[in-house]
PDB file of N, CA and C in Angstrom:
ATOM      1  N   MET A   1      59.940 150.891 131.743  1.00  0.00           N
ATOM      2  CA  MET A   1      60.279 152.297 131.574  1.00  0.00           C
ATOM      3  C   MET A   1      61.088 152.734 132.788  1.00  0.00           C
ATOM      4  N   ASN A   2      62.263 153.234 132.532  1.00  0.00           N
ATOM      5  CA  ASN A   2      63.188 153.505 133.617  1.00  0.00           C
ATOM      6  C   ASN A   2      63.489 154.983 133.815  1.00  0.00           C
ATOM      7  N   PHE A   3      62.546 155.852 133.538  1.00  0.00           N
ATOM      8  CA  PHE A   3      62.741 157.283 133.747  1.00  0.00           C
ATOM      9  C   PHE A   3      62.599 157.608 135.224  1.00  0.00           C
ATOM     10  N   ASN A   4      63.347 158.609 135.682  1.00  0.00           N
ATOM     11  CA  ASN A   4      63.187 159.015 137.075  1.00  0.00           C
ATOM     12  C   ASN A   4      61.899 159.837 137.234  1.00  0.00           C
ATOM     13  N   GLY A   5      61.521 160.078 138.477  1.00  0.00           N
ATOM     14  CA  GLY A   5      60.258 160.756 138.760  1.00  0.00           C
ATOM     15  C   GLY A   5      60.146 162.145 138.161  1.00  0.00           C
ATOM     16  N   LEU A   6      61.246 162.892 138.179  1.00  0.00           N
ATOM     17  CA  LEU A   6      61.187 164.256 137.643  1.00  0.00           C
ATOM     18  C   LEU A   6      61.074 164.277 136.129  1.00  0.00           C
ATOM     19  N   THR A   7      61.691 163.291 135.476  1.00  0.00           N
ATOM     20  CA  THR A   7      61.566 163.189 134.025  1.00  0.00           C
ATOM     21  C   THR A   7      60.133 162.844 133.645  1.00  0.00           C
ATOM     22  N   LEU A   8      59.539 161.921 134.389  1.00  0.00           N
ATOM     23  CA  LEU A   8      58.129 161.587 134.156  1.00  0.00           C
ATOM     24  C   LEU A   8      57.238 162.809 134.408  1.00  0.00           C
ATOM     25  N   ALA A   9      57.566 163.567 135.454  1.00  0.00           N
ATOM     26  CA  ALA A   9      56.778 164.767 135.776  1.00  0.00           C
ATOM     27  C   ALA A   9      56.875 165.800 134.654  1.00  0.00           C
ATOM     28  N   TYR A  10      58.036 165.906 134.031  1.00  0.00           N
ATOM     29  CA  TYR A  10      58.251 166.864 132.948  1.00  0.00           C
ATOM     30  C   TYR A  10      57.251 166.631 131.811  1.00  0.00           C
ATOM     31  N   ILE A  11      57.125 165.378 131.375  1.00  0.00           N
ATOM     32  CA  ILE A  11      56.200 165.088 130.276  1.00  0.00           C
ATOM     33  C   ILE A  11      54.760 165.028 130.789  1.00  0.00           C
ATOM     34  N   GLY A  12      54.590 164.597 132.022  1.00  0.00           N
ATOM     35  CA  GLY A  12      53.247 164.510 132.598  1.00  0.00           C
ATOM     36  C   GLY A  12      52.589 165.865 132.753  1.00  0.00           C
ATOM     37  N   ASP A  13      53.371 166.868 133.103  1.00  0.00           N
ATOM     38  CA  ASP A  13      52.846 168.225 133.229  1.00  0.00           C
ATOM     39  C   ASP A  13      52.294 168.698 131.890  1.00  0.00           C
ATOM     40  N   ALA A  14      53.050 168.472 130.827  1.00  0.00           N
ATOM     41  CA  ALA A  14      52.614 168.892 129.484  1.00  0.00           C
ATOM     42  C   ALA A  14      51.389 168.102 129.028  1.00  0.00           C
ATOM     43  N   SER A  15      51.395 166.817 129.286  1.00  0.00           N
ATOM     44  CA  SER A  15      50.279 165.955 128.879  1.00  0.00           C
ATOM     45  C   SER A  15      48.986 166.368 129.590  1.00  0.00           C
ATOM     46  N   TYR A  16      49.074 166.582 130.901  1.00  0.00           N
ATOM     47  CA  TYR A  16      47.903 166.984 131.679  1.00  0.00           C
ATOM     48  C   TYR A  16      47.421 168.370 131.260  1.00  0.00           C
ATOM     49  N   GLU A  17      48.347 169.290 131.044  1.00  0.00           N
ATOM     50  CA  GLU A  17      47.995 170.650 130.605  1.00  0.00           C
ATOM     51  C   GLU A  17      47.212 170.602 129.297  1.00  0.00           C
ATOM     52  N   LEU A  18      47.650 169.771 128.368  1.00  0.00           N
ATOM     53  CA  LEU A  18      46.953 169.653 127.088  1.00  0.00           C
ATOM     54  C   LEU A  18      45.540 169.095 127.284  1.00  0.00           C
ATOM     55  N   LEU A  19      45.384 168.095 128.133  1.00  0.00           N
ATOM     56  CA  LEU A  19      44.046 167.560 128.429  1.00  0.00           C
ATOM     57  C   LEU A  19      43.127 168.648 128.964  1.00  0.00           C
ATOM     58  N   VAL A  20      43.639 169.431 129.896  1.00  0.00           N
ATOM     59  CA  VAL A  20      42.841 170.500 130.506  1.00  0.00           C
ATOM     60  C   VAL A  20      42.476 171.547 129.455  1.00  0.00           C
ATOM     61  N   ARG A  21      43.426 171.958 128.645  1.00  0.00           N
ATOM     62  CA  ARG A  21      43.147 172.977 127.626  1.00  0.00           C
ATOM     63  C   ARG A  21      42.105 172.490 126.624  1.00  0.00           C
ATOM     64  N   GLU A  22      42.235 171.243 126.192  1.00  0.00           N
ATOM     65  CA  GLU A  22      41.235 170.689 125.269  1.00  0.00           C
ATOM     66  C   GLU A  22      39.865 170.639 125.928  1.00  0.00           C
ATOM     67  N   TYR A  23      39.822 170.212 127.178  1.00  0.00           N
ATOM     68  CA  TYR A  23      38.558 170.145 127.911  1.00  0.00           C
ATOM     69  C   TYR A  23      37.889 171.522 127.968  1.00  0.00           C
ATOM     70  N   LEU A  24      38.658 172.551 128.298  1.00  0.00           N
ATOM     71  CA  LEU A  24      38.096 173.897 128.420  1.00  0.00           C
ATOM     72  C   LEU A  24      37.604 174.424 127.079  1.00  0.00           C
ATOM     73  N   LEU A  25      38.339 174.149 126.009  1.00  0.00           N
ATOM     74  CA  LEU A  25      37.889 174.573 124.683  1.00  0.00           C
ATOM     75  C   LEU A  25      36.595 173.853 124.305  1.00  0.00           C
ATOM     76  N   ARG A  26      36.542 172.561 124.556  1.00  0.00           N
ATOM     77  CA  ARG A  26      35.337 171.779 124.223  1.00  0.00           C
ATOM     78  C   ARG A  26      34.146 172.206 125.089  1.00  0.00           C
ATOM     79  N   LYS A  27      34.460 172.764 126.247  1.00  0.00           N
ATOM     80  CA  LYS A  27      33.419 173.268 127.146  1.00  0.00           C
ATOM     81  C   LYS A  27      32.837 174.590 126.638  1.00  0.00           C
ATOM     82  N   GLY A  28      33.531 175.202 125.669  1.00  0.00           N
ATOM     83  CA  GLY A  28      33.004 176.409 125.049  1.00  0.00           C
ATOM     84  C   GLY A  28      33.735 177.687 125.404  1.00  0.00           C
ATOM     85  N   LEU A  29      34.763 177.612 126.231  1.00  0.00           N
ATOM     86  CA  LEU A  29      35.529 178.810 126.533  1.00  0.00           C
ATOM     87  C   LEU A  29      36.395 179.151 125.332  1.00  0.00           C
ATOM     88  N   THR A  30      36.425 180.426 124.970  1.00  0.00           N
ATOM     89  CA  THR A  30      37.212 180.823 123.801  1.00  0.00           C
ATOM     90  C   THR A  30      38.109 182.031 124.056  1.00  0.00           C
ATOM     91  N   LYS A  31      37.835 182.808 125.083  1.00  0.00           N
ATOM     92  CA  LYS A  31      38.676 183.972 125.371  1.00  0.00           C
ATOM     93  C   LYS A  31      39.907 183.517 126.144  1.00  0.00           C
ATOM     94  N   VAL A  32      41.073 183.929 125.653  1.00  0.00           N
ATOM     95  CA  VAL A  32      42.331 183.453 126.205  1.00  0.00           C
ATOM     96  C   VAL A  32      42.462 183.766 127.691  1.00  0.00           C
ATOM     97  N   ASP A  33      42.077 184.967 128.119  1.00  0.00           N
ATOM     98  CA  ASP A  33      42.169 185.307 129.542  1.00  0.00           C
ATOM     99  C   ASP A  33      41.327 184.363 130.389  1.00  0.00           C
ATOM    100  N   ASN A  34      40.101 184.081 129.936  1.00  0.00           N
ATOM    101  CA  ASN A  34      39.227 183.164 130.668  1.00  0.00           C
ATOM    102  C   ASN A  34      39.787 181.747 130.659  1.00  0.00           C
ATOM    103  N   LEU A  35      40.316 181.339 129.514  1.00  0.00           N
ATOM    104  CA  LEU A  35      40.914 180.010 129.416  1.00  0.00           C
ATOM    105  C   LEU A  35      42.057 179.859 130.419  1.00  0.00           C
ATOM    106  N   HIS A  36      42.904 180.863 130.486  1.00  0.00           N
ATOM    107  CA  HIS A  36      44.047 180.809 131.384  1.00  0.00           C
ATOM    108  C   HIS A  36      43.596 180.751 132.846  1.00  0.00           C
ATOM    109  N   LYS A  37      42.638 181.603 133.225  1.00  0.00           N
ATOM    110  CA  LYS A  37      42.147 181.614 134.604  1.00  0.00           C
ATOM    111  C   LYS A  37      41.518 180.274 134.987  1.00  0.00           C
ATOM    112  N   GLU A  38      40.776 179.679 134.077  1.00  0.00           N
ATOM    113  CA  GLU A  38      40.160 178.377 134.340  1.00  0.00           C
ATOM    114  C   GLU A  38      41.212 177.274 134.400  1.00  0.00           C
ATOM    115  N   ALA A  39      42.162 177.313 133.492  1.00  0.00           N
ATOM    116  CA  ALA A  39      43.187 176.264 133.443  1.00  0.00           C
ATOM    117  C   ALA A  39      43.994 176.212 134.730  1.00  0.00           C
ATOM    118  N   ILE A  40      44.284 177.359 135.301  1.00  0.00           N
ATOM    119  CA  ILE A  40      45.070 177.416 136.534  1.00  0.00           C
ATOM    120  C   ILE A  40      44.394 176.634 137.659  1.00  0.00           C
ATOM    121  N   LYS A  41      43.069 176.629 137.691  1.00  0.00           N
ATOM    122  CA  LYS A  41      42.344 175.874 138.726  1.00  0.00           C
ATOM    123  C   LYS A  41      42.712 174.398 138.690  1.00  0.00           C
ATOM    124  N   TYR A  42      43.032 173.895 137.504  1.00  0.00           N
ATOM    125  CA  TYR A  42      43.354 172.479 137.324  1.00  0.00           C
ATOM    126  C   TYR A  42      44.859 172.208 137.319  1.00  0.00           C
ATOM    127  N   THR A  43      45.647 173.169 136.838  1.00  0.00           N
ATOM    128  CA  THR A  43      47.048 172.888 136.549  1.00  0.00           C
ATOM    129  C   THR A  43      48.047 173.485 137.540  1.00  0.00           C
ATOM    130  N   SER A  44      47.600 174.336 138.443  1.00  0.00           N
ATOM    131  CA  SER A  44      48.502 174.837 139.480  1.00  0.00           C
ATOM    132  C   SER A  44      48.873 173.673 140.398  1.00  0.00           C
ATOM    133  N   ALA A  45      49.857 173.865 141.247  1.00  0.00           N
ATOM    134  CA  ALA A  45      50.229 172.808 142.193  1.00  0.00           C
ATOM    135  C   ALA A  45      49.029 172.419 143.052  1.00  0.00           C
ATOM    136  N   GLU A  46      48.265 173.414 143.499  1.00  0.00           N
ATOM    137  CA  GLU A  46      47.075 173.121 144.306  1.00  0.00           C
ATOM    138  C   GLU A  46      46.037 172.339 143.496  1.00  0.00           C
ATOM    139  N   GLY A  47      45.853 172.731 142.245  1.00  0.00           N
ATOM    140  CA  GLY A  47      44.907 172.040 141.381  1.00  0.00           C
ATOM    141  C   GLY A  47      45.332 170.610 141.102  1.00  0.00           C
ATOM    142  N   GLN A  48      46.620 170.401 140.894  1.00  0.00           N
ATOM    143  CA  GLN A  48      47.112 169.051 140.647  1.00  0.00           C
ATOM    144  C   GLN A  48      47.006 168.187 141.897  1.00  0.00           C
ATOM    145  N   GLU A  49      47.234 168.788 143.055  1.00  0.00           N
ATOM    146  CA  GLU A  49      47.058 168.037 144.304  1.00  0.00           C
ATOM    147  C   GLU A  49      45.593 167.625 144.464  1.00  0.00           C
ATOM    148  N   LYS A  50      44.674 168.542 144.164  1.00  0.00           N
ATOM    149  CA  LYS A  50      43.240 168.208 144.213  1.00  0.00           C
ATOM    150  C   LYS A  50      42.917 167.098 143.229  1.00  0.00           C
ATOM    151  N   ALA A  51      43.459 167.209 142.019  1.00  0.00           N
ATOM    152  CA  ALA A  51      43.221 166.188 140.993  1.00  0.00           C
ATOM    153  C   ALA A  51      43.669 164.827 141.507  1.00  0.00           C
ATOM    154  N   PHE A  52      44.836 164.781 142.138  1.00  0.00           N
ATOM    155  CA  PHE A  52      45.320 163.520 142.681  1.00  0.00           C
ATOM    156  C   PHE A  52      44.376 162.998 143.760  1.00  0.00           C
ATOM    157  N   ASN A  53      43.908 163.885 144.619  1.00  0.00           N
ATOM    158  CA  ASN A  53      42.988 163.463 145.681  1.00  0.00           C
ATOM    159  C   ASN A  53      41.712 162.851 145.111  1.00  0.00           C
ATOM    160  N   PHE A  54      41.251 163.359 143.974  1.00  0.00           N
ATOM    161  CA  PHE A  54      40.032 162.827 143.354  1.00  0.00           C
ATOM    162  C   PHE A  54      40.224 161.407 142.816  1.00  0.00           C
ATOM    163  N   ILE A  55      41.452 161.050 142.452  1.00  0.00           N
ATOM    164  CA  ILE A  55      41.688 159.740 141.826  1.00  0.00           C
ATOM    165  C   ILE A  55      42.415 158.751 142.725  1.00  0.00           C
ATOM    166  N   GLU A  56      42.967 159.217 143.809  1.00  0.00           N
ATOM    167  CA  GLU A  56      43.856 158.388 144.634  1.00  0.00           C
ATOM    168  C   GLU A  56      43.260 157.021 144.987  1.00  0.00           C
ATOM    169  N   SER A  57      42.013 156.989 145.390  1.00  0.00           N
ATOM    170  CA  SER A  57      41.409 155.726 145.823  1.00  0.00           C
ATOM    171  C   SER A  57      41.181 154.753 144.664  1.00  0.00           C
ATOM    172  N   SER A  58      41.295 155.224 143.438  1.00  0.00           N
ATOM    173  CA  SER A  58      41.080 154.378 142.253  1.00  0.00           C
ATOM    174  C   SER A  58      42.380 153.880 141.627  1.00  0.00           C
ATOM    175  N   LEU A  59      43.510 154.239 142.204  1.00  0.00           N
ATOM    176  CA  LEU A  59      44.791 153.899 141.604  1.00  0.00           C
ATOM    177  C   LEU A  59      45.255 152.494 141.994  1.00  0.00           C
ATOM    178  N   SER A  60      45.951 151.865 141.071  1.00  0.00           N
ATOM    179  CA  SER A  60      46.543 150.553 141.334  1.00  0.00           C
ATOM    180  C   SER A  60      47.806 150.738 142.184  1.00  0.00           C
ATOM    181  N   GLU A  61      48.340 149.630 142.694  1.00  0.00           N
ATOM    182  CA  GLU A  61      49.587 149.689 143.456  1.00  0.00           C
ATOM    183  C   GLU A  61      50.719 150.232 142.587  1.00  0.00           C
ATOM    184  N   GLU A  62      50.757 149.820 141.332  1.00  0.00           N
ATOM    185  CA  GLU A  62      51.798 150.305 140.423  1.00  0.00           C
ATOM    186  C   GLU A  62      51.679 151.816 140.220  1.00  0.00           C
ATOM    187  N   GLU A  63      50.461 152.316 140.050  1.00  0.00           N
ATOM    188  CA  GLU A  63      50.250 153.760 139.853  1.00  0.00           C
ATOM    189  C   GLU A  63      50.641 154.537 141.106  1.00  0.00           C
ATOM    190  N   ILE A  64      50.325 154.010 142.282  1.00  0.00           N
ATOM    191  CA  ILE A  64      50.723 154.664 143.542  1.00  0.00           C
ATOM    192  C   ILE A  64      52.247 154.689 143.639  1.00  0.00           C
ATOM    193  N   SER A  65      52.891 153.616 143.220  1.00  0.00           N
ATOM    194  CA  SER A  65      54.347 153.542 143.249  1.00  0.00           C
ATOM    195  C   SER A  65      54.964 154.612 142.347  1.00  0.00           C
ATOM    196  N   ILE A  66      54.392 154.819 141.169  1.00  0.00           N
ATOM    197  CA  ILE A  66      54.877 155.853 140.249  1.00  0.00           C
ATOM    198  C   ILE A  66      54.674 157.237 140.866  1.00  0.00           C
ATOM    199  N   PHE A  67      53.493 157.451 141.464  1.00  0.00           N
ATOM    200  CA  PHE A  67      53.226 158.716 142.151  1.00  0.00           C
ATOM    201  C   PHE A  67      54.296 158.981 143.210  1.00  0.00           C
ATOM    202  N   LYS A  68      54.598 157.968 144.020  1.00  0.00           N
ATOM    203  CA  LYS A  68      55.580 158.128 145.098  1.00  0.00           C
ATOM    204  C   LYS A  68      56.978 158.386 144.539  1.00  0.00           C
ATOM    205  N   ARG A  69      57.296 157.785 143.401  1.00  0.00           N
ATOM    206  CA  ARG A  69      58.594 158.023 142.769  1.00  0.00           C
ATOM    207  C   ARG A  69      58.742 159.512 142.450  1.00  0.00           C
ATOM    208  N   GLY A  70      57.693 160.109 141.914  1.00  0.00           N
ATOM    209  CA  GLY A  70      57.733 161.537 141.611  1.00  0.00           C
ATOM    210  C   GLY A  70      57.692 162.404 142.855  1.00  0.00           C
ATOM    211  N   ARG A  71      56.819 162.053 143.777  1.00  0.00           N
ATOM    212  CA  ARG A  71      56.666 162.842 145.013  1.00  0.00           C
ATOM    213  C   ARG A  71      57.967 162.890 145.805  1.00  0.00           C
ATOM    214  N   ASN A  72      58.682 161.780 145.828  1.00  0.00           N
ATOM    215  CA  ASN A  72      59.882 161.685 146.652  1.00  0.00           C
ATOM    216  C   ASN A  72      61.159 162.108 145.935  1.00  0.00           C
ATOM    217  N   SER A  73      61.049 162.543 144.697  1.00  0.00           N
ATOM    218  CA  SER A  73      62.220 162.970 143.929  1.00  0.00           C
ATOM    219  C   SER A  73      62.846 164.210 144.543  1.00  0.00           C
ATOM    220  N   LYS A  74      64.157 164.248 144.493  1.00  0.00           N
ATOM    221  CA  LYS A  74      64.892 165.432 144.947  1.00  0.00           C
ATOM    222  C   LYS A  74      64.949 166.425 143.792  1.00  0.00           C
ATOM    223  N   SER A  75      64.470 167.625 144.033  1.00  0.00           N
ATOM    224  CA  SER A  75      64.426 168.631 142.977  1.00  0.00           C
ATOM    225  C   SER A  75      65.223 169.856 143.385  1.00  0.00           C
ATOM    226  N   GLU A  76      65.865 170.458 142.412  1.00  0.00           N
ATOM    227  CA  GLU A  76      66.578 171.720 142.631  1.00  0.00           C
ATOM    228  C   GLU A  76      65.606 172.895 142.661  1.00  0.00           C
ATOM    229  N   ARG A  77      64.422 172.682 142.104  1.00  0.00           N
ATOM    230  CA  ARG A  77      63.423 173.762 142.034  1.00  0.00           C
ATOM    231  C   ARG A  77      62.737 173.920 143.376  1.00  0.00           C
ATOM    232  N   LYS A  78      62.396 175.128 143.691  1.00  0.00           N
ATOM    233  CA  LYS A  78      61.677 175.445 144.919  1.00  0.00           C
ATOM    234  C   LYS A  78      60.198 175.606 144.607  1.00  0.00           C
ATOM    235  N   ALA A  79      59.376 175.273 145.576  1.00  0.00           N
ATOM    236  CA  ALA A  79      57.941 175.464 145.425  1.00  0.00           C
ATOM    237  C   ALA A  79      57.644 176.958 145.413  1.00  0.00           C
ATOM    238  N   ARG A  80      56.894 177.392 144.402  1.00  0.00           N
ATOM    239  CA  ARG A  80      56.461 178.784 144.331  1.00  0.00           C
ATOM    240  C   ARG A  80      54.949 178.803 144.478  1.00  0.00           C
ATOM    241  N   ASN A  81      54.449 179.674 145.314  1.00  0.00           N
ATOM    242  CA  ASN A  81      53.009 179.841 145.495  1.00  0.00           C
ATOM    243  C   ASN A  81      52.319 178.579 145.999  1.00  0.00           C
ATOM    244  N   ALA A  82      53.066 177.685 146.629  1.00  0.00           N
ATOM    245  CA  ALA A  82      52.490 176.455 147.177  1.00  0.00           C
ATOM    246  C   ALA A  82      53.399 175.951 148.286  1.00  0.00           C
ATOM    247  N   SER A  83      52.834 175.213 149.217  1.00  0.00           N
ATOM    248  CA  SER A  83      53.654 174.610 150.260  1.00  0.00           C
ATOM    249  C   SER A  83      54.519 173.518 149.639  1.00  0.00           C
ATOM    250  N   LEU A  84      55.576 173.141 150.319  1.00  0.00           N
ATOM    251  CA  LEU A  84      56.455 172.091 149.821  1.00  0.00           C
ATOM    252  C   LEU A  84      55.683 170.775 149.685  1.00  0.00           C
ATOM    253  N   ALA A  85      54.809 170.468 150.637  1.00  0.00           N
ATOM    254  CA  ALA A  85      54.027 169.225 150.576  1.00  0.00           C
ATOM    255  C   ALA A  85      53.110 169.216 149.353  1.00  0.00           C
ATOM    256  N   THR A  86      52.456 170.329 149.086  1.00  0.00           N
ATOM    257  CA  THR A  86      51.581 170.434 147.921  1.00  0.00           C
ATOM    258  C   THR A  86      52.388 170.295 146.643  1.00  0.00           C
ATOM    259  N   TYR A  87      53.531 170.951 146.586  1.00  0.00           N
ATOM    260  CA  TYR A  87      54.402 170.891 145.409  1.00  0.00           C
ATOM    261  C   TYR A  87      54.858 169.455 145.144  1.00  0.00           C
ATOM    262  N   LYS A  88      55.223 168.741 146.186  1.00  0.00           N
ATOM    263  CA  LYS A  88      55.691 167.359 146.023  1.00  0.00           C
ATOM    264  C   LYS A  88      54.553 166.443 145.563  1.00  0.00           C
ATOM    265  N   ARG A  89      53.359 166.634 146.107  1.00  0.00           N
ATOM    266  CA  ARG A  89      52.217 165.817 145.670  1.00  0.00           C
ATOM    267  C   ARG A  89      51.865 166.132 144.213  1.00  0.00           C
ATOM    268  N   ALA A  90      51.962 167.394 143.840  1.00  0.00           N
ATOM    269  CA  ALA A  90      51.713 167.780 142.442  1.00  0.00           C
ATOM    270  C   ALA A  90      52.746 167.132 141.528  1.00  0.00           C
ATOM    271  N   THR A  91      53.990 167.102 141.954  1.00  0.00           N
ATOM    272  CA  THR A  91      55.037 166.458 141.163  1.00  0.00           C
ATOM    273  C   THR A  91      54.756 164.964 141.026  1.00  0.00           C
ATOM    274  N   GLY A  92      54.285 164.346 142.092  1.00  0.00           N
ATOM    275  CA  GLY A  92      53.911 162.935 142.030  1.00  0.00           C
ATOM    276  C   GLY A  92      52.780 162.697 141.046  1.00  0.00           C
ATOM    277  N   PHE A  93      51.791 163.580 141.066  1.00  0.00           N
ATOM    278  CA  PHE A  93      50.680 163.488 140.125  1.00  0.00           C
ATOM    279  C   PHE A  93      51.174 163.622 138.690  1.00  0.00           C
ATOM    280  N   GLU A  94      52.045 164.601 138.443  1.00  0.00           N
ATOM    281  CA  GLU A  94      52.604 164.785 137.104  1.00  0.00           C
ATOM    282  C   GLU A  94      53.384 163.547 136.666  1.00  0.00           C
ATOM    283  N   SER A  95      54.107 162.948 137.584  1.00  0.00           N
ATOM    284  CA  SER A  95      54.866 161.729 137.272  1.00  0.00           C
ATOM    285  C   SER A  95      53.938 160.609 136.830  1.00  0.00           C
ATOM    286  N   LEU A  96      52.835 160.450 137.538  1.00  0.00           N
ATOM    287  CA  LEU A  96      51.858 159.430 137.165  1.00  0.00           C
ATOM    288  C   LEU A  96      51.315 159.697 135.766  1.00  0.00           C
ATOM    289  N   MET A  97      50.952 160.937 135.498  1.00  0.00           N
ATOM    290  CA  MET A  97      50.426 161.281 134.179  1.00  0.00           C
ATOM    291  C   MET A  97      51.487 161.058 133.101  1.00  0.00           C
ATOM    292  N   GLY A  98      52.739 161.382 133.405  1.00  0.00           N
ATOM    293  CA  GLY A  98      53.817 161.159 132.455  1.00  0.00           C
ATOM    294  C   GLY A  98      54.044 159.688 132.181  1.00  0.00           C
ATOM    295  N   TYR A  99      53.993 158.893 133.221  1.00  0.00           N
ATOM    296  CA  TYR A  99      54.155 157.443 133.064  1.00  0.00           C
ATOM    297  C   TYR A  99      53.050 156.872 132.174  1.00  0.00           C
ATOM    298  N   LEU A 100      51.826 157.252 132.447  1.00  0.00           N
ATOM    299  CA  LEU A 100      50.708 156.753 131.636  1.00  0.00           C
ATOM    300  C   LEU A 100      50.826 157.227 130.190  1.00  0.00           C
ATOM    301  N   HIS A 101      51.253 158.474 130.017  1.00  0.00           N
ATOM    302  CA  HIS A 101      51.423 159.031 128.667  1.00  0.00           C
ATOM    303  C   HIS A 101      52.498 158.258 127.893  1.00  0.00           C
ATOM    304  N   LEU A 102      53.650 158.069 128.518  1.00  0.00           N
ATOM    305  CA  LEU A 102      54.745 157.376 127.839  1.00  0.00           C
ATOM    306  C   LEU A 102      54.457 155.885 127.637  1.00  0.00           C
ATOM    307  N   SER A 103      53.543 155.352 128.430  1.00  0.00           N
ATOM    308  CA  SER A 103      53.122 153.957 128.269  1.00  0.00           C
ATOM    309  C   SER A 103      52.022 153.818 127.222  1.00  0.00           C
ATOM    310  N   ASP A 104      51.628 154.939 126.625  1.00  0.00           N
ATOM    311  CA  ASP A 104      50.534 154.967 125.648  1.00  0.00           C
ATOM    312  C   ASP A 104      49.237 154.409 126.225  1.00  0.00           C
ATOM    313  N   ASN A 105      49.034 154.611 127.521  1.00  0.00           N
ATOM    314  CA  ASN A 105      47.842 154.115 128.190  1.00  0.00           C
ATOM    315  C   ASN A 105      46.759 155.202 128.181  1.00  0.00           C
ATOM    316  N   ILE A 106      46.333 155.541 126.986  1.00  0.00           N
ATOM    317  CA  ILE A 106      45.375 156.630 126.777  1.00  0.00           C
ATOM    318  C   ILE A 106      44.034 156.325 127.440  1.00  0.00           C
ATOM    319  N   GLU A 107      43.625 155.071 127.387  1.00  0.00           N
ATOM    320  CA  GLU A 107      42.355 154.686 128.001  1.00  0.00           C
ATOM    321  C   GLU A 107      42.370 154.991 129.505  1.00  0.00           C
ATOM    322  N   ARG A 108      43.480 154.651 130.164  1.00  0.00           N
ATOM    323  CA  ARG A 108      43.564 154.902 131.609  1.00  0.00           C
ATOM    324  C   ARG A 108      43.640 156.404 131.888  1.00  0.00           C
ATOM    325  N   ILE A 109      44.384 157.126 131.091  1.00  0.00           N
ATOM    326  CA  ILE A 109      44.444 158.588 131.265  1.00  0.00           C
ATOM    327  C   ILE A 109      43.040 159.175 131.162  1.00  0.00           C
ATOM    328  N   ASN A 110      42.282 158.746 130.170  1.00  0.00           N
ATOM    329  CA  ASN A 110      40.924 159.264 129.994  1.00  0.00           C
ATOM    330  C   ASN A 110      40.019 158.896 131.162  1.00  0.00           C
ATOM    331  N   GLU A 111      40.145 157.669 131.682  1.00  0.00           N
ATOM    332  CA  GLU A 111      39.359 157.263 132.857  1.00  0.00           C
ATOM    333  C   GLU A 111      39.653 158.180 134.045  1.00  0.00           C
ATOM    334  N   LEU A 112      40.936 158.381 134.297  1.00  0.00           N
ATOM    335  CA  LEU A 112      41.326 159.230 135.426  1.00  0.00           C
ATOM    336  C   LEU A 112      40.909 160.674 135.202  1.00  0.00           C
ATOM    337  N   PHE A 113      41.038 161.161 133.978  1.00  0.00           N
ATOM    338  CA  PHE A 113      40.675 162.552 133.698  1.00  0.00           C
ATOM    339  C   PHE A 113      39.178 162.781 133.910  1.00  0.00           C
ATOM    340  N   ILE A 114      38.354 161.815 133.549  1.00  0.00           N
ATOM    341  CA  ILE A 114      36.911 161.930 133.800  1.00  0.00           C
ATOM    342  C   ILE A 114      36.648 162.033 135.299  1.00  0.00           C
ATOM    343  N   MET A 115      37.357 161.232 136.096  1.00  0.00           N
ATOM    344  CA  MET A 115      37.207 161.310 137.558  1.00  0.00           C
ATOM    345  C   MET A 115      37.635 162.679 138.079  1.00  0.00           C
ATOM    346  N   ILE A 116      38.706 163.196 137.516  1.00  0.00           N
ATOM    347  CA  ILE A 116      39.206 164.507 137.939  1.00  0.00           C
ATOM    348  C   ILE A 116      38.194 165.594 137.619  1.00  0.00           C
ATOM    349  N   ILE A 117      37.679 165.591 136.403  1.00  0.00           N
ATOM    350  CA  ILE A 117      36.688 166.601 136.020  1.00  0.00           C
ATOM    351  C   ILE A 117      35.440 166.491 136.886  1.00  0.00           C
ATOM    352  N   ASP A 118      34.967 165.269 137.113  1.00  0.00           N
ATOM    353  CA  ASP A 118      33.802 165.075 137.997  1.00  0.00           C
ATOM    354  C   ASP A 118      34.092 165.629 139.387  1.00  0.00           C
ATOM    355  N   GLY A 119      35.302 165.373 139.877  1.00  0.00           N
ATOM    356  CA  GLY A 119      35.677 165.886 141.196  1.00  0.00           C
ATOM    357  C   GLY A 119      35.647 167.394 141.256  1.00  0.00           C
ATOM    358  N   PHE A 120      36.219 168.052 140.264  1.00  0.00           N
ATOM    359  CA  PHE A 120      36.231 169.513 140.246  1.00  0.00           C
ATOM    360  C   PHE A 120      34.823 170.074 140.101  1.00  0.00           C
ATOM    361  N   GLU A 121      34.022 169.461 139.261  1.00  0.00           N
ATOM    362  CA  GLU A 121      32.673 169.980 139.030  1.00  0.00           C
ATOM    363  C   GLU A 121      31.746 169.770 140.225  1.00  0.00           C
ATOM    364  N   ASN A 122      32.036 168.764 141.030  1.00  0.00           N
ATOM    365  CA  ASN A 122      31.175 168.463 142.177  1.00  0.00           C
ATOM    366  C   ASN A 122      31.767 168.916 143.504  1.00  0.00           C
ATOM    367  N   ALA A 123      32.892 169.604 143.462  1.00  0.00           N
ATOM    368  CA  ALA A 123      33.543 170.058 144.702  1.00  0.00           C
ATOM    369  C   ALA A 123      32.858 171.279 145.276  1.00  0.00           C
TER     370      ALA A 123
END
């Protein structure tokens, strides 16, 4: 797969967002305002950086390489409501999720997502 880091991040952001939304619905949240407030904890740049921190030690060399491809990508977009370092790490995380999604590696995505949820719930 020869997509650049930002392209992987584009699909990874959507893939991760859908996982989070499904998780929150299955958790029993039904009011849209509450869903949105909860989702932001996971999907903001800060939330994605935290998610990456929860899984980083479990990643393979290839997964770290994909993360770095996204993190080091040159973007025209500016970080909003986050430091540049946090924004870049979030982009790297999205790239990893996009790579796994496009590789149809659903089992690995689910493994990592369980680690992320455990991390957030035990933080």
